[in-house]
PDB file of N, CA and C in Angstrom:
ATOM      1  N   MET A   1       2.459  -2.436  21.077  1.00  0.00           N
ATOM      2  CA  MET A   1       1.271  -2.089  20.320  1.00  0.00           C
ATOM      3  C   MET A   1       1.238  -2.914  19.027  1.00  0.00           C
ATOM      4  N   GLU A   2       0.181  -3.661  18.839  1.00  0.00           N
ATOM      5  CA  GLU A   2       0.045  -4.479  17.639  1.00  0.00           C
ATOM      6  C   GLU A   2      -0.330  -3.603  16.449  1.00  0.00           C
ATOM      7  N   LYS A   3       0.372  -3.807  15.373  1.00  0.00           N
ATOM      8  CA  LYS A   3       0.107  -3.033  14.159  1.00  0.00           C
ATOM      9  C   LYS A   3      -0.923  -3.777  13.312  1.00  0.00           C
ATOM     10  N   VAL A   4      -1.911  -3.048  12.841  1.00  0.00           N
ATOM     11  CA  VAL A   4      -2.983  -3.632  12.037  1.00  0.00           C
ATOM     12  C   VAL A   4      -2.910  -3.136  10.593  1.00  0.00           C
ATOM     13  N   VAL A   5      -2.672  -1.857  10.419  1.00  0.00           N
ATOM     14  CA  VAL A   5      -2.712  -1.241   9.095  1.00  0.00           C
ATOM     15  C   VAL A   5      -1.470  -1.600   8.273  1.00  0.00           C
ATOM     16  N   PHE A   6      -0.311  -1.554   8.910  1.00  0.00           N
ATOM     17  CA  PHE A   6       0.943  -1.872   8.222  1.00  0.00           C
ATOM     18  C   PHE A   6       0.884  -3.214   7.490  1.00  0.00           C
ATOM     19  N   PRO A   7       0.542  -4.300   8.192  1.00  0.00           N
ATOM     20  CA  PRO A   7       0.521  -5.604   7.506  1.00  0.00           C
ATOM     21  C   PRO A   7      -0.454  -5.656   6.333  1.00  0.00           C
ATOM     22  N   LYS A   8      -1.564  -4.962   6.447  1.00  0.00           N
ATOM     23  CA  LYS A   8      -2.546  -4.953   5.353  1.00  0.00           C
ATOM     24  C   LYS A   8      -1.983  -4.226   4.133  1.00  0.00           C
ATOM     25  N   PHE A   9      -1.329  -3.092   4.379  1.00  0.00           N
ATOM     26  CA  PHE A   9      -0.721  -2.337   3.282  1.00  0.00           C
ATOM     27  C   PHE A   9       0.371  -3.170   2.605  1.00  0.00           C
ATOM     28  N   ILE A  10       1.197  -3.826   3.403  1.00  0.00           N
ATOM     29  CA  ILE A  10       2.260  -4.669   2.855  1.00  0.00           C
ATOM     30  C   ILE A  10       1.659  -5.826   2.051  1.00  0.00           C
ATOM     31  N   GLU A  11       0.579  -6.393   2.535  1.00  0.00           N
ATOM     32  CA  GLU A  11      -0.101  -7.483   1.821  1.00  0.00           C
ATOM     33  C   GLU A  11      -0.541  -7.031   0.425  1.00  0.00           C
ATOM     34  N   VAL A  12      -1.119  -5.842   0.353  1.00  0.00           N
ATOM     35  CA  VAL A  12      -1.561  -5.309  -0.942  1.00  0.00           C
ATOM     36  C   VAL A  12      -0.356  -5.078  -1.853  1.00  0.00           C
ATOM     37  N   MET A  13       0.719  -4.531  -1.302  1.00  0.00           N
ATOM     38  CA  MET A  13       1.925  -4.296  -2.109  1.00  0.00           C
ATOM     39  C   MET A  13       2.491  -5.608  -2.641  1.00  0.00           C
ATOM     40  N   LYS A  14       2.507  -6.630  -1.804  1.00  0.00           N
ATOM     41  CA  LYS A  14       3.038  -7.928  -2.241  1.00  0.00           C
ATOM     42  C   LYS A  14       2.205  -8.515  -3.379  1.00  0.00           C
ATOM     43  N   ARG A  15       0.903  -8.328  -3.322  1.00  0.00           N
ATOM     44  CA  ARG A  15       0.031  -8.839  -4.390  1.00  0.00           C
ATOM     45  C   ARG A  15       0.340  -8.186  -5.735  1.00  0.00           C
ATOM     46  N   LEU A  16       0.765  -6.927  -5.700  1.00  0.00           N
ATOM     47  CA  LEU A  16       1.064  -6.193  -6.935  1.00  0.00           C
ATOM     48  C   LEU A  16       2.497  -6.391  -7.416  1.00  0.00           C
ATOM     49  N   SER A  17       3.328  -6.991  -6.598  1.00  0.00           N
ATOM     50  CA  SER A  17       4.746  -7.133  -6.919  1.00  0.00           C
ATOM     51  C   SER A  17       4.960  -8.070  -8.101  1.00  0.00           C
ATOM     52  N   VAL A  18       5.699  -7.571  -9.086  1.00  0.00           N
ATOM     53  CA  VAL A  18       6.028  -8.388 -10.254  1.00  0.00           C
ATOM     54  C   VAL A  18       7.526  -8.344 -10.573  1.00  0.00           C
ATOM     55  N   GLU A  19       8.230  -7.391 -10.007  1.00  0.00           N
ATOM     56  CA  GLU A  19       9.660  -7.244 -10.266  1.00  0.00           C
ATOM     57  C   GLU A  19      10.438  -7.511  -8.983  1.00  0.00           C
ATOM     58  N   VAL A  20      11.705  -7.865  -9.137  1.00  0.00           N
ATOM     59  CA  VAL A  20      12.573  -8.104  -7.980  1.00  0.00           C
ATOM     60  C   VAL A  20      12.606  -6.868  -7.087  1.00  0.00           C
ATOM     61  N   ASN A  21      12.667  -5.703  -7.700  1.00  0.00           N
ATOM     62  CA  ASN A  21      12.694  -4.448  -6.955  1.00  0.00           C
ATOM     63  C   ASN A  21      11.459  -4.305  -6.056  1.00  0.00           C
ATOM     64  N   ASP A  22      10.295  -4.704  -6.567  1.00  0.00           N
ATOM     65  CA  ASP A  22       9.060  -4.635  -5.773  1.00  0.00           C
ATOM     66  C   ASP A  22       9.183  -5.486  -4.513  1.00  0.00           C
ATOM     67  N   HIS A  23       9.694  -6.691  -4.679  1.00  0.00           N
ATOM     68  CA  HIS A  23       9.830  -7.607  -3.543  1.00  0.00           C
ATOM     69  C   HIS A  23      10.815  -7.058  -2.508  1.00  0.00           C
ATOM     70  N   GLU A  24      11.899  -6.453  -2.985  1.00  0.00           N
ATOM     71  CA  GLU A  24      12.892  -5.873  -2.074  1.00  0.00           C
ATOM     72  C   GLU A  24      12.294  -4.703  -1.294  1.00  0.00           C
ATOM     73  N   ILE A  25      11.514  -3.886  -1.960  1.00  0.00           N
ATOM     74  CA  ILE A  25      10.881  -2.746  -1.294  1.00  0.00           C
ATOM     75  C   ILE A  25       9.902  -3.233  -0.237  1.00  0.00           C
ATOM     76  N   CYS A  26       9.166  -4.288  -0.536  1.00  0.00           N
ATOM     77  CA  CYS A  26       8.247  -4.865   0.460  1.00  0.00           C
ATOM     78  C   CYS A  26       9.015  -5.379   1.677  1.00  0.00           C
ATOM     79  N   LYS A  27      10.167  -6.016   1.432  1.00  0.00           N
ATOM     80  CA  LYS A  27      10.988  -6.516   2.545  1.00  0.00           C
ATOM     81  C   LYS A  27      11.477  -5.363   3.423  1.00  0.00           C
ATOM     82  N   ARG A  28      11.902  -4.284   2.794  1.00  0.00           N
ATOM     83  CA  ARG A  28      12.374  -3.117   3.559  1.00  0.00           C
ATOM     84  C   ARG A  28      11.249  -2.501   4.377  1.00  0.00           C
ATOM     85  N   LEU A  29      10.066  -2.419   3.785  1.00  0.00           N
ATOM     86  CA  LEU A  29       8.921  -1.868   4.510  1.00  0.00           C
ATOM     87  C   LEU A  29       8.557  -2.765   5.695  1.00  0.00           C
ATOM     88  N   GLU A  30       8.637  -4.071   5.507  1.00  0.00           N
ATOM     89  CA  GLU A  30       8.377  -4.992   6.618  1.00  0.00           C
ATOM     90  C   GLU A  30       9.385  -4.792   7.743  1.00  0.00           C
ATOM     91  N   ALA A  31      10.643  -4.602   7.383  1.00  0.00           N
ATOM     92  CA  ALA A  31      11.673  -4.366   8.394  1.00  0.00           C
ATOM     93  C   ALA A  31      11.380  -3.083   9.165  1.00  0.00           C
ATOM     94  N   LEU A  32      10.986  -2.031   8.459  1.00  0.00           N
ATOM     95  CA  LEU A  32      10.623  -0.777   9.125  1.00  0.00           C
ATOM     96  C   LEU A  32       9.428  -0.967  10.051  1.00  0.00           C
ATOM     97  N   MET A  33       8.470  -1.764   9.610  1.00  0.00           N
ATOM     98  CA  MET A  33       7.283  -2.021  10.422  1.00  0.00           C
ATOM     99  C   MET A  33       7.683  -2.649  11.758  1.00  0.00           C
ATOM    100  N   HIS A  34       8.649  -3.568  11.716  1.00  0.00           N
ATOM    101  CA  HIS A  34       9.042  -4.278  12.931  1.00  0.00           C
ATOM    102  C   HIS A  34       9.829  -3.407  13.907  1.00  0.00           C
ATOM    103  N   ILE A  35      10.552  -2.414  13.388  1.00  0.00           N
ATOM    104  CA  ILE A  35      11.322  -1.571  14.303  1.00  0.00           C
ATOM    105  C   ILE A  35      10.578  -0.305  14.714  1.00  0.00           C
ATOM    106  N   GLY A  36       9.573   0.068  13.936  1.00  0.00           N
ATOM    107  CA  GLY A  36       8.800   1.272  14.249  1.00  0.00           C
ATOM    108  C   GLY A  36       7.871   1.053  15.428  1.00  0.00           C
ATOM    109  N   LYS A  37       7.545   2.137  16.103  1.00  0.00           N
ATOM    110  CA  LYS A  37       6.691   2.051  17.284  1.00  0.00           C
ATOM    111  C   LYS A  37       5.220   2.238  16.963  1.00  0.00           C
ATOM    112  N   GLU A  38       4.930   2.947  15.888  1.00  0.00           N
ATOM    113  CA  GLU A  38       3.538   3.278  15.589  1.00  0.00           C
ATOM    114  C   GLU A  38       3.087   2.646  14.286  1.00  0.00           C
ATOM    115  N   ASP A  39       1.773   2.489  14.183  1.00  0.00           N
ATOM    116  CA  ASP A  39       1.150   1.968  12.972  1.00  0.00           C
ATOM    117  C   ASP A  39       0.877   3.133  12.026  1.00  0.00           C
ATOM    118  N   LEU A  40       0.576   2.827  10.791  1.00  0.00           N
ATOM    119  CA  LEU A  40       0.158   3.850   9.834  1.00  0.00           C
ATOM    120  C   LEU A  40      -1.255   4.305  10.167  1.00  0.00           C
ATOM    121  N   ASN A  41      -1.588   5.517   9.762  1.00  0.00           N
ATOM    122  CA  ASN A  41      -2.920   6.064  10.003  1.00  0.00           C
ATOM    123  C   ASN A  41      -3.945   5.321   9.146  1.00  0.00           C
ATOM    124  N   LEU A  42      -4.966   4.772   9.798  1.00  0.00           N
ATOM    125  CA  LEU A  42      -5.976   3.964   9.115  1.00  0.00           C
ATOM    126  C   LEU A  42      -6.692   4.739   8.014  1.00  0.00           C
ATOM    127  N   ASP A  43      -7.139   5.954   8.310  1.00  0.00           N
ATOM    128  CA  ASP A  43      -7.882   6.737   7.317  1.00  0.00           C
ATOM    129  C   ASP A  43      -7.025   7.079   6.098  1.00  0.00           C
ATOM    130  N   SER A  44      -5.767   7.415   6.342  1.00  0.00           N
ATOM    131  CA  SER A  44      -4.871   7.739   5.220  1.00  0.00           C
ATOM    132  C   SER A  44      -4.658   6.530   4.323  1.00  0.00           C
ATOM    133  N   VAL A  45      -4.450   5.373   4.940  1.00  0.00           N
ATOM    134  CA  VAL A  45      -4.216   4.167   4.142  1.00  0.00           C
ATOM    135  C   VAL A  45      -5.491   3.748   3.411  1.00  0.00           C
ATOM    136  N   LYS A  46      -6.645   3.928   4.046  1.00  0.00           N
ATOM    137  CA  LYS A  46      -7.911   3.642   3.346  1.00  0.00           C
ATOM    138  C   LYS A  46      -8.038   4.522   2.109  1.00  0.00           C
ATOM    139  N   ASN A  47      -7.732   5.812   2.260  1.00  0.00           N
ATOM    140  CA  ASN A  47      -7.793   6.730   1.114  1.00  0.00           C
ATOM    141  C   ASN A  47      -6.813   6.314   0.022  1.00  0.00           C
ATOM    142  N   LEU A  48      -5.616   5.916   0.433  1.00  0.00           N
ATOM    143  CA  LEU A  48      -4.608   5.453  -0.522  1.00  0.00           C
ATOM    144  C   LEU A  48      -5.106   4.231  -1.282  1.00  0.00           C
ATOM    145  N   LEU A  49      -5.661   3.271  -0.567  1.00  0.00           N
ATOM    146  CA  LEU A  49      -6.099   2.035  -1.209  1.00  0.00           C
ATOM    147  C   LEU A  49      -7.349   2.233  -2.065  1.00  0.00           C
ATOM    148  N   LYS A  50      -8.203   3.175  -1.666  1.00  0.00           N
ATOM    149  CA  LYS A  50      -9.414   3.445  -2.457  1.00  0.00           C
ATOM    150  C   LYS A  50      -9.089   4.170  -3.758  1.00  0.00           C
ATOM    151  N   ASN A  51      -8.213   5.158  -3.675  1.00  0.00           N
ATOM    152  CA  ASN A  51      -7.899   6.008  -4.835  1.00  0.00           C
ATOM    153  C   ASN A  51      -6.394   6.226  -4.957  1.00  0.00           C
ATOM    154  N   PRO A  52      -5.644   5.188  -5.283  1.00  0.00           N
ATOM    155  CA  PRO A  52      -4.184   5.336  -5.297  1.00  0.00           C
ATOM    156  C   PRO A  52      -3.671   6.364  -6.297  1.00  0.00           C
ATOM    157  N   LEU A  53      -4.353   6.522  -7.413  1.00  0.00           N
ATOM    158  CA  LEU A  53      -3.858   7.444  -8.440  1.00  0.00           C
ATOM    159  C   LEU A  53      -4.132   8.901  -8.100  1.00  0.00           C
ATOM    160  N   GLU A  54      -4.997   9.147  -7.138  1.00  0.00           N
ATOM    161  CA  GLU A  54      -5.321  10.515  -6.729  1.00  0.00           C
ATOM    162  C   GLU A  54      -4.774  10.847  -5.342  1.00  0.00           C
ATOM    163  N   PHE A  55      -4.079   9.914  -4.721  1.00  0.00           N
ATOM    164  CA  PHE A  55      -3.597  10.084  -3.352  1.00  0.00           C
ATOM    165  C   PHE A  55      -2.329  10.929  -3.319  1.00  0.00           C
ATOM    166  N   ASP A  56      -2.227  11.811  -2.329  1.00  0.00           N
ATOM    167  CA  ASP A  56      -1.025  12.621  -2.123  1.00  0.00           C
ATOM    168  C   ASP A  56      -0.130  11.885  -1.125  1.00  0.00           C
ATOM    169  N   PRO A  57       1.024  11.365  -1.567  1.00  0.00           N
ATOM    170  CA  PRO A  57       1.901  10.593  -0.679  1.00  0.00           C
ATOM    171  C   PRO A  57       2.351  11.350   0.568  1.00  0.00           C
ATOM    172  N   ARG A  58       2.266  12.682   0.540  1.00  0.00           N
ATOM    173  CA  ARG A  58       2.690  13.467   1.707  1.00  0.00           C
ATOM    174  C   ARG A  58       1.755  13.288   2.895  1.00  0.00           C
ATOM    175  N   GLU A  59       0.595  12.646   2.677  1.00  0.00           N
ATOM    176  CA  GLU A  59      -0.311  12.356   3.792  1.00  0.00           C
ATOM    177  C   GLU A  59       0.273  11.301   4.730  1.00  0.00           C
ATOM    178  N   ILE A  60       1.210  10.521   4.227  1.00  0.00           N
ATOM    179  CA  ILE A  60       1.867   9.486   5.021  1.00  0.00           C
ATOM    180  C   ILE A  60       3.213  10.049   5.475  1.00  0.00           C
ATOM    181  N   PRO A  61       3.527   9.943   6.769  1.00  0.00           N
ATOM    182  CA  PRO A  61       4.774  10.536   7.270  1.00  0.00           C
ATOM    183  C   PRO A  61       6.023   9.805   6.777  1.00  0.00           C
ATOM    184  N   GLU A  62       7.137  10.546   6.772  1.00  0.00           N
ATOM    185  CA  GLU A  62       8.436   9.934   6.485  1.00  0.00           C
ATOM    186  C   GLU A  62       8.742   8.959   7.616  1.00  0.00           C
ATOM    187  N   PRO A  63       9.414   7.896   7.380  1.00  0.00           N
ATOM    188  CA  PRO A  63      10.121   7.482   6.166  1.00  0.00           C
ATOM    189  C   PRO A  63       9.270   6.637   5.218  1.00  0.00           C
ATOM    190  N   TYR A  64       7.961   6.649   5.383  1.00  0.00           N
ATOM    191  CA  TYR A  64       7.082   5.750   4.627  1.00  0.00           C
ATOM    192  C   TYR A  64       6.611   6.324   3.294  1.00  0.00           C
ATOM    193  N   THR A  65       6.840   7.612   3.066  1.00  0.00           N
ATOM    194  CA  THR A  65       6.381   8.267   1.841  1.00  0.00           C
ATOM    195  C   THR A  65       6.918   7.574   0.594  1.00  0.00           C
ATOM    196  N   MET A  66       8.187   7.181   0.618  1.00  0.00           N
ATOM    197  CA  MET A  66       8.773   6.538  -0.568  1.00  0.00           C
ATOM    198  C   MET A  66       8.096   5.211  -0.891  1.00  0.00           C
ATOM    199  N   TYR A  67       7.603   4.515   0.129  1.00  0.00           N
ATOM    200  CA  TYR A  67       6.925   3.237  -0.095  1.00  0.00           C
ATOM    201  C   TYR A  67       5.536   3.464  -0.691  1.00  0.00           C
ATOM    202  N   VAL A  68       4.901   4.521  -0.254  1.00  0.00           N
ATOM    203  CA  VAL A  68       3.602   4.895  -0.821  1.00  0.00           C
ATOM    204  C   VAL A  68       3.784   5.282  -2.292  1.00  0.00           C
ATOM    205  N   LYS A  69       4.826   6.041  -2.577  1.00  0.00           N
ATOM    206  CA  LYS A  69       5.101   6.426  -3.967  1.00  0.00           C
ATOM    207  C   LYS A  69       5.349   5.192  -4.830  1.00  0.00           C
ATOM    208  N   HIS A  70       6.060   4.214  -4.280  1.00  0.00           N
ATOM    209  CA  HIS A  70       6.316   2.998  -5.051  1.00  0.00           C
ATOM    210  C   HIS A  70       5.024   2.205  -5.262  1.00  0.00           C
ATOM    211  N   PHE A  71       4.159   2.178  -4.270  1.00  0.00           N
ATOM    212  CA  PHE A  71       2.858   1.514  -4.423  1.00  0.00           C
ATOM    213  C   PHE A  71       2.071   2.154  -5.567  1.00  0.00           C
ATOM    214  N   ILE A  72       2.033   3.478  -5.583  1.00  0.00           N
ATOM    215  CA  ILE A  72       1.313   4.194  -6.644  1.00  0.00           C
ATOM    216  C   ILE A  72       1.946   3.887  -8.004  1.00  0.00           C
ATOM    217  N   TYR A  73       3.270   3.850  -8.043  1.00  0.00           N
ATOM    218  CA  TYR A  73       3.975   3.485  -9.273  1.00  0.00           C
ATOM    219  C   TYR A  73       3.565   2.081  -9.731  1.00  0.00           C
ATOM    220  N   MET A  74       3.506   1.118  -8.801  1.00  0.00           N
ATOM    221  CA  MET A  74       3.134  -0.255  -9.161  1.00  0.00           C
ATOM    222  C   MET A  74       1.720  -0.307  -9.731  1.00  0.00           C
ATOM    223  N   VAL A  75       0.799   0.445  -9.124  1.00  0.00           N
ATOM    224  CA  VAL A  75      -0.578   0.476  -9.628  1.00  0.00           C
ATOM    225  C   VAL A  75      -0.588   1.003 -11.060  1.00  0.00           C
ATOM    226  N   LYS A  76       0.105   2.127 -11.295  1.00  0.00           N
ATOM    227  CA  LYS A  76       0.155   2.717 -12.645  1.00  0.00           C
ATOM    228  C   LYS A  76       0.802   1.764 -13.645  1.00  0.00           C
ATOM    229  N   ARG A  77       1.929   1.198 -13.258  1.00  0.00           N
ATOM    230  CA  ARG A  77       2.658   0.278 -14.143  1.00  0.00           C
ATOM    231  C   ARG A  77       1.795  -0.925 -14.509  1.00  0.00           C
ATOM    232  N   ASN A  78       1.136  -1.484 -13.525  1.00  0.00           N
ATOM    233  CA  ASN A  78       0.342  -2.679 -13.772  1.00  0.00           C
ATOM    234  C   ASN A  78      -0.910  -2.378 -14.585  1.00  0.00           C
ATOM    235  N   GLU A  79      -1.415  -1.149 -14.470  1.00  0.00           N
ATOM    236  CA  GLU A  79      -2.566  -0.762 -15.292  1.00  0.00           C
ATOM    237  C   GLU A  79      -2.173  -0.694 -16.767  1.00  0.00           C
ATOM    238  N   LYS A  80      -0.943  -0.272 -17.029  1.00  0.00           N
ATOM    239  CA  LYS A  80      -0.478  -0.113 -18.409  1.00  0.00           C
ATOM    240  C   LYS A  80      -0.054  -1.428 -19.045  1.00  0.00           C
ATOM    241  N   GLY A  81       0.482  -2.330 -18.227  1.00  0.00           N
ATOM    242  CA  GLY A  81       1.084  -3.538 -18.781  1.00  0.00           C
ATOM    243  C   GLY A  81       0.319  -4.805 -18.466  1.00  0.00           C
ATOM    244  N   GLU A  82       1.078  -5.867 -18.420  1.00  0.00           N
ATOM    245  CA  GLU A  82       0.514  -7.195 -18.200  1.00  0.00           C
ATOM    246  C   GLU A  82       0.522  -7.598 -16.726  1.00  0.00           C
ATOM    247  N   GLY A  83       0.910  -6.695 -15.859  1.00  0.00           N
ATOM    248  CA  GLY A  83       1.008  -7.016 -14.436  1.00  0.00           C
ATOM    249  C   GLY A  83      -0.341  -7.247 -13.789  1.00  0.00           C
ATOM    250  N   LYS A  84      -0.292  -7.547 -12.522  1.00  0.00           N
ATOM    251  CA  LYS A  84      -1.502  -7.793 -11.746  1.00  0.00           C
ATOM    252  C   LYS A  84      -2.245  -6.479 -11.548  1.00  0.00           C
ATOM    253  N   LYS A  85      -3.468  -6.415 -11.985  1.00  0.00           N
ATOM    254  CA  LYS A  85      -4.264  -5.192 -11.863  1.00  0.00           C
ATOM    255  C   LYS A  85      -4.686  -4.990 -10.414  1.00  0.00           C
ATOM    256  N   TYR A  86      -4.695  -3.739  -9.985  1.00  0.00           N
ATOM    257  CA  TYR A  86      -5.098  -3.413  -8.621  1.00  0.00           C
ATOM    258  C   TYR A  86      -6.602  -3.254  -8.553  1.00  0.00           C
ATOM    259  N   ILE A  87      -7.215  -3.968  -7.621  1.00  0.00           N
ATOM    260  CA  ILE A  87      -8.646  -3.845  -7.359  1.00  0.00           C
ATOM    261  C   ILE A  87      -8.805  -3.625  -5.862  1.00  0.00           C
ATOM    262  N   TYR A  88      -9.448  -2.540  -5.503  1.00  0.00           N
ATOM    263  CA  TYR A  88      -9.652  -2.217  -4.090  1.00  0.00           C
ATOM    264  C   TYR A  88     -10.541  -3.263  -3.429  1.00  0.00           C
ATOM    265  N   ASP A  89     -10.097  -3.765  -2.284  1.00  0.00           N
ATOM    266  CA  ASP A  89     -10.869  -4.727  -1.495  1.00  0.00           C
ATOM    267  C   ASP A  89     -11.405  -4.002  -0.268  1.00  0.00           C
ATOM    268  N   PRO A  90     -12.699  -3.670  -0.247  1.00  0.00           N
ATOM    269  CA  PRO A  90     -13.251  -2.884   0.857  1.00  0.00           C
ATOM    270  C   PRO A  90     -13.229  -3.612   2.196  1.00  0.00           C
ATOM    271  N   THR A  91     -13.078  -4.914   2.192  1.00  0.00           N
ATOM    272  CA  THR A  91     -13.069  -5.658   3.457  1.00  0.00           C
ATOM    273  C   THR A  91     -11.691  -5.661   4.107  1.00  0.00           C
ATOM    274  N   LEU A  92     -10.669  -5.288   3.363  1.00  0.00           N
ATOM    275  CA  LEU A  92      -9.301  -5.371   3.860  1.00  0.00           C
ATOM    276  C   LEU A  92      -9.093  -4.581   5.148  1.00  0.00           C
ATOM    277  N   LEU A  93      -9.598  -3.366   5.189  1.00  0.00           N
ATOM    278  CA  LEU A  93      -9.435  -2.522   6.375  1.00  0.00           C
ATOM    279  C   LEU A  93     -10.775  -2.220   7.034  1.00  0.00           C
ATOM    280  N   GLY A  94     -11.739  -3.088   6.830  1.00  0.00           N
ATOM    281  CA  GLY A  94     -13.025  -2.930   7.490  1.00  0.00           C
ATOM    282  C   GLY A  94     -13.933  -1.900   6.868  1.00  0.00           C
ATOM    283  N   ASP A  95     -13.683  -1.534   5.615  1.00  0.00           N
ATOM    284  CA  ASP A  95     -14.517  -0.550   4.929  1.00  0.00           C
ATOM    285  C   ASP A  95     -15.725  -1.259   4.331  1.00  0.00           C
ATOM    286  N   LYS A  96     -16.880  -0.641   4.460  1.00  0.00           N
ATOM    287  CA  LYS A  96     -18.111  -1.243   3.950  1.00  0.00           C
ATOM    288  C   LYS A  96     -18.458  -0.767   2.546  1.00  0.00           C
ATOM    289  N   GLY A  97     -17.647   0.143   1.993  1.00  0.00           N
ATOM    290  CA  GLY A  97     -17.940   0.717   0.678  1.00  0.00           C
ATOM    291  C   GLY A  97     -17.766  -0.291  -0.441  1.00  0.00           C
ATOM    292  N   SER A  98     -18.119   0.123  -1.633  1.00  0.00           N
ATOM    293  CA  SER A  98     -18.018  -0.773  -2.785  1.00  0.00           C
ATOM    294  C   SER A  98     -16.610  -0.737  -3.358  1.00  0.00           C
ATOM    295  N   SER A  99     -16.258  -1.802  -4.044  1.00  0.00           N
ATOM    296  CA  SER A  99     -14.931  -1.864  -4.657  1.00  0.00           C
ATOM    297  C   SER A  99     -14.985  -1.249  -6.039  1.00  0.00           C
ATOM    298  N   ARG A 100     -13.793  -0.899  -6.525  1.00  0.00           N
ATOM    299  CA  ARG A 100     -13.725  -0.375  -7.883  1.00  0.00           C
ATOM    300  C   ARG A 100     -12.839  -1.301  -8.693  1.00  0.00           C
ATOM    301  N   GLY A 101     -13.066  -1.393  -9.950  1.00  0.00           N
ATOM    302  CA  GLY A 101     -12.279  -2.328 -10.726  1.00  0.00           C
ATOM    303  C   GLY A 101     -11.854  -1.853 -12.036  1.00  0.00           C
TER     304      GLY A 101
END
Protein backbone atom coordinates (compact mmCIF):
# COMPACT_ATOMS: atom_id res chain seq x y z
CA MET A 1 0.00 0.00 0.00
CA GLU A 2 1.50 3.31 -1.08
CA LYS A 3 1.54 5.93 1.63
CA VAL A 4 0.40 9.41 0.63
CA VAL A 5 -0.20 11.29 3.87
CA PHE A 6 2.98 10.26 5.70
CA PRO A 7 5.39 11.76 3.14
CA LYS A 8 3.44 15.02 3.05
CA PHE A 9 3.52 15.33 6.84
CA ILE A 10 7.25 14.58 6.89
CA GLU A 11 7.80 17.18 4.15
CA VAL A 12 6.10 19.85 6.27
CA MET A 13 8.15 18.84 9.33
CA LYS A 14 11.39 19.04 7.35
CA ARG A 15 10.52 22.56 6.17
CA LEU A 16 10.16 23.67 9.80
CA SER A 17 13.32 21.93 11.00
CA VAL A 18 15.97 24.29 12.32
CA GLU A 19 17.71 22.22 15.01
CA VAL A 20 19.66 18.96 14.80
CA ASN A 21 17.00 17.37 17.00
CA ASP A 22 14.30 18.29 14.46
CA HIS A 23 16.20 16.57 11.66
CA GLU A 24 16.74 13.45 13.78
CA ILE A 25 13.04 13.26 14.63
CA CYS A 26 12.17 13.54 10.94
CA LYS A 27 14.58 10.68 10.16
CA ARG A 28 12.98 8.49 12.84
CA LEU A 29 9.50 9.25 11.52
CA GLU A 30 10.63 8.34 8.01
CA ALA A 31 11.99 5.04 9.30
CA LEU A 32 8.66 4.31 11.00
CA MET A 33 6.83 5.17 7.79
CA HIS A 34 8.86 2.58 5.88
CA ILE A 35 8.24 -0.24 8.34
CA GLY A 36 4.61 0.58 9.12
CA LYS A 37 1.80 -1.01 7.18
CA GLU A 38 -0.73 1.81 7.25
CA ASP A 39 -0.77 5.47 6.32
CA LEU A 40 -1.84 8.26 8.65
CA ASN A 41 -5.49 9.30 8.59
CA LEU A 42 -5.94 12.01 5.94
CA ASP A 43 -8.61 13.99 7.81
CA SER A 44 -6.63 14.01 11.05
CA VAL A 45 -3.49 15.23 9.33
CA LYS A 46 -5.46 17.89 7.44
CA ASN A 47 -6.83 19.13 10.77
CA LEU A 48 -3.33 19.10 12.25
CA LEU A 49 -1.87 21.07 9.36
CA LYS A 50 -4.75 23.56 9.27
CA ASN A 51 -4.77 24.30 13.01
CA PRO A 52 -1.63 22.90 14.64
CA LEU A 53 -1.95 24.97 17.80
CA GLU A 54 -5.49 23.73 18.46
CA PHE A 55 -4.95 20.10 17.43
CA ASP A 56 -5.22 17.28 19.99
CA PRO A 57 -2.25 14.93 19.34
CA ARG A 58 -4.30 12.00 20.69
CA GLU A 59 -6.19 12.01 17.37
CA ILE A 60 -3.11 10.38 15.84
CA PRO A 61 -2.44 6.81 17.02
CA GLU A 62 0.70 5.68 18.83
CA PRO A 63 3.59 5.53 18.08
CA TYR A 64 3.09 8.70 16.01
CA THR A 65 1.69 10.94 18.77
CA MET A 66 5.17 12.04 19.89
CA TYR A 67 5.98 13.20 16.35
CA VAL A 68 2.78 15.22 16.18
CA LYS A 69 3.66 16.80 19.53
CA HIS A 70 7.09 17.70 18.20
CA PHE A 71 5.54 19.23 15.07
CA ILE A 72 3.29 21.40 17.26
CA TYR A 73 6.33 22.36 19.35
CA MET A 74 8.22 23.38 16.18
CA VAL A 75 5.31 25.55 15.03
CA LYS A 76 5.15 27.29 18.44
CA ARG A 77 8.92 27.70 18.67
CA ASN A 78 9.21 29.12 15.18
CA GLU A 79 6.34 31.54 15.79
CA LYS A 80 8.21 32.96 18.80
CA GLY A 81 11.68 33.09 17.31
CA GLU A 82 13.58 33.57 14.11
CA GLY A 83 12.76 30.13 12.72
CA LYS A 84 10.81 29.31 9.61
CA LYS A 85 7.19 30.36 10.13
CA TYR A 86 4.53 27.75 9.45
CA ILE A 87 2.03 28.60 6.73
CA TYR A 88 -0.66 26.09 5.85
CA ASP A 89 -0.54 25.00 2.20
CA PRO A 90 -4.06 23.92 1.20
CA THR A 91 -2.80 22.16 -1.93
CA LEU A 92 -0.51 19.83 0.01
CA LEU A 93 -3.21 17.27 0.80
CA GLY A 94 -5.72 18.26 -1.85
CA ASP A 95 -7.63 20.74 0.31
CA LYS A 96 -9.37 23.54 -1.56
CA GLY A 97 -9.66 25.83 1.48
CA SER A 98 -7.75 29.04 2.00
CA SER A 99 -4.38 29.22 3.67
CA ARG A 100 -3.65 31.03 6.88
CA GLY A 101 -0.56 33.02 7.56
